[in-house]
């Protein structure tokens, strides 16, 4: 009886140490199924602002686990100027994009902004919104 108990304990230790090779699931593992979220503070969606040479963007991106990367693109919606693009790696659950960006056109213009975030396990979220200058 003692030999059976010892053999059972050895088998348990062996199987638990080789669980990846046998594809045994981990029951205490966390599965992140939630995509990142955005707070578009300034300029917000469909805002009309007075023209300035540049404006400060304030966008907060959050994830319940960890963010991997953040993307920002801006261009006049009539495609009359070059695309302004920004990309960064993130290793935190909150990222604040707080950059001052020069506006390419002095006349009243409607701009398209594209933001995208990807979290550490590949969940992604994107948002397209517009703001205008007068």
Protein backbone atom coordinates (compact mmCIF):
# COMPACT_ATOMS: atom_id res chain seq x y z
CA UNK A 1 0.00 0.00 0.00
CA UNK A 2 2.84 2.37 0.83
CA UNK A 3 4.41 1.77 -2.62
CA UNK A 4 1.16 2.70 -4.37
CA UNK A 5 0.91 5.94 -2.37
CA UNK A 6 4.52 6.89 -3.19
CA UNK A 7 4.03 6.03 -6.88
CA UNK A 8 0.87 8.18 -6.95
CA UNK A 9 2.70 11.13 -5.41
CA UNK A 10 5.57 10.81 -7.91
CA UNK A 11 3.08 10.65 -10.81
CA UNK A 12 1.27 13.76 -9.52
CA UNK A 13 4.51 15.72 -9.23
CA UNK A 14 5.62 14.56 -12.68
CA UNK A 15 2.33 15.49 -14.37
CA UNK A 16 2.09 18.90 -12.73
CA UNK A 17 5.68 19.77 -13.64
CA UNK A 18 5.10 18.80 -17.28
CA UNK A 19 1.64 20.34 -17.70
CA UNK A 20 2.74 22.46 -20.69
CA UNK A 21 3.95 19.39 -22.54
CA UNK A 22 0.65 17.59 -21.93
CA UNK A 23 -1.50 20.71 -22.58
CA UNK A 24 -3.15 20.59 -19.19
CA UNK A 25 -5.11 23.80 -18.51
CA UNK A 26 -4.21 26.21 -15.76
CA UNK A 27 -7.38 26.84 -13.81
CA UNK A 28 -6.10 29.88 -11.96
CA UNK A 29 -4.94 31.77 -15.06
CA UNK A 30 -6.50 35.12 -16.01
CA UNK A 31 -7.97 35.51 -19.49
CA UNK A 32 -8.13 39.11 -20.71
CA UNK A 33 -11.10 39.46 -23.03
CA UNK A 34 -11.62 43.21 -22.69
CA UNK A 35 -10.34 45.66 -25.28
CA UNK A 36 -8.74 48.98 -24.28
CA UNK A 37 -10.92 52.09 -23.84
CA UNK A 38 -10.40 55.76 -24.75
CA UNK A 39 -11.24 59.06 -23.07
CA UNK A 40 -11.11 61.73 -25.79
CA UNK A 41 -10.66 64.82 -23.64
CA UNK A 42 -9.42 67.42 -26.15
CA UNK A 43 -10.34 67.97 -28.84
CA UNK A 44 -13.45 65.93 -28.27
CA UNK A 45 -15.73 64.50 -30.94
CA UNK A 46 -17.10 67.10 -33.38
CA UNK A 47 -15.54 70.04 -31.51
CA UNK A 48 -15.25 73.39 -33.29
CA UNK A 49 -12.16 75.25 -32.12
CA UNK A 50 -10.57 78.56 -33.06
CA UNK A 51 -7.60 78.16 -35.37
CA UNK A 52 -4.19 78.02 -33.70
CA UNK A 53 -0.80 77.06 -35.12
CA UNK A 54 -0.95 73.91 -33.02
CA UNK A 55 -3.28 72.26 -30.57
CA UNK A 56 -2.73 70.04 -27.56
CA UNK A 57 -4.29 66.61 -27.83
CA UNK A 58 -5.30 64.96 -24.60
CA UNK A 59 -6.37 61.33 -24.96
CA UNK A 60 -6.30 58.78 -22.16
CA UNK A 61 -6.20 55.09 -23.04
CA UNK A 62 -6.89 52.41 -20.42
CA UNK A 63 -6.86 48.64 -20.24
CA UNK A 64 -7.86 46.36 -17.40
CA UNK A 65 -4.63 44.37 -17.75
CA UNK A 66 -1.82 46.03 -19.75
CA UNK A 67 -1.46 48.08 -22.94
CA UNK A 68 1.04 47.05 -25.59
CA UNK A 69 0.91 49.90 -28.11
CA UNK A 70 -0.86 53.14 -28.99
CA UNK A 71 -1.35 54.70 -32.45
CA UNK A 72 -2.47 58.20 -33.41
CA UNK A 73 -3.10 59.60 -36.90
CA UNK A 74 -4.53 62.94 -38.02
CA UNK A 75 -5.24 64.42 -41.43
CA UNK A 76 -7.62 66.95 -43.01
CA UNK A 77 -10.68 65.02 -44.17
CA UNK A 78 -10.20 66.34 -47.72
CA UNK A 79 -6.69 64.78 -47.76
CA UNK A 80 -5.14 68.15 -48.65
CA UNK A 81 -2.17 67.71 -46.28
CA UNK A 82 0.17 64.92 -45.21
CA UNK A 83 -0.85 62.38 -42.63
CA UNK A 84 0.49 63.08 -39.13
CA UNK A 85 1.30 59.80 -37.44
CA UNK A 86 2.47 58.79 -33.97
CA UNK A 87 3.10 55.30 -32.60
CA UNK A 88 4.51 54.20 -29.26
CA UNK A 89 5.01 51.05 -27.23
CA UNK A 90 3.31 51.03 -23.85
CA UNK A 91 3.89 48.76 -20.89
CA UNK A 92 1.27 49.99 -18.44
CA UNK A 93 -2.48 49.82 -17.91
CA UNK A 94 -2.95 53.57 -18.54
CA UNK A 95 -1.39 55.72 -21.28
CA UNK A 96 -1.93 59.45 -21.69
CA UNK A 97 -1.33 60.95 -25.13
CA UNK A 98 -0.72 64.60 -24.35
CA UNK A 99 1.08 66.06 -27.37
CA UNK A 100 0.99 69.41 -29.08
CA UNK A 101 0.58 68.93 -32.84
CA UNK A 102 0.93 71.59 -35.52
CA UNK A 103 -2.10 72.07 -37.72
CA UNK A 104 -1.14 71.89 -41.40
CA UNK A 105 -3.77 74.34 -42.71
CA UNK A 106 -4.57 77.91 -41.63
CA UNK A 107 -8.05 78.08 -43.20
CA UNK A 108 -11.14 76.48 -41.62
CA UNK A 109 -10.72 72.73 -41.92
CA UNK A 110 -12.33 69.54 -40.73
CA UNK A 111 -9.79 67.01 -39.40
CA UNK A 112 -10.09 63.26 -39.09
CA UNK A 113 -8.39 61.65 -36.10
CA UNK A 114 -7.74 57.92 -35.79
CA UNK A 115 -6.62 56.39 -32.50
CA UNK A 116 -5.93 52.72 -31.85
CA UNK A 117 -4.70 50.77 -28.85
CA UNK A 118 -3.67 47.14 -28.54
CA UNK A 119 -3.39 45.40 -25.19
CA UNK A 120 -0.82 42.81 -24.10
CA UNK A 121 -2.85 39.82 -25.35
CA UNK A 122 -3.86 41.32 -28.70
CA UNK A 123 -7.27 42.82 -27.96
CA UNK A 124 -7.60 46.10 -29.83
CA UNK A 125 -9.90 49.08 -30.01
CA UNK A 126 -9.93 51.96 -32.46
CA UNK A 127 -11.83 55.18 -32.76
CA UNK A 128 -12.26 57.57 -35.66
CA UNK A 129 -13.57 61.02 -34.89
CA UNK A 130 -13.60 64.52 -36.35
CA UNK A 131 -12.99 68.04 -35.11
CA UNK A 132 -12.98 71.34 -37.01
CA UNK A 133 -11.14 74.64 -36.91
CA UNK A 134 -12.69 77.99 -37.73
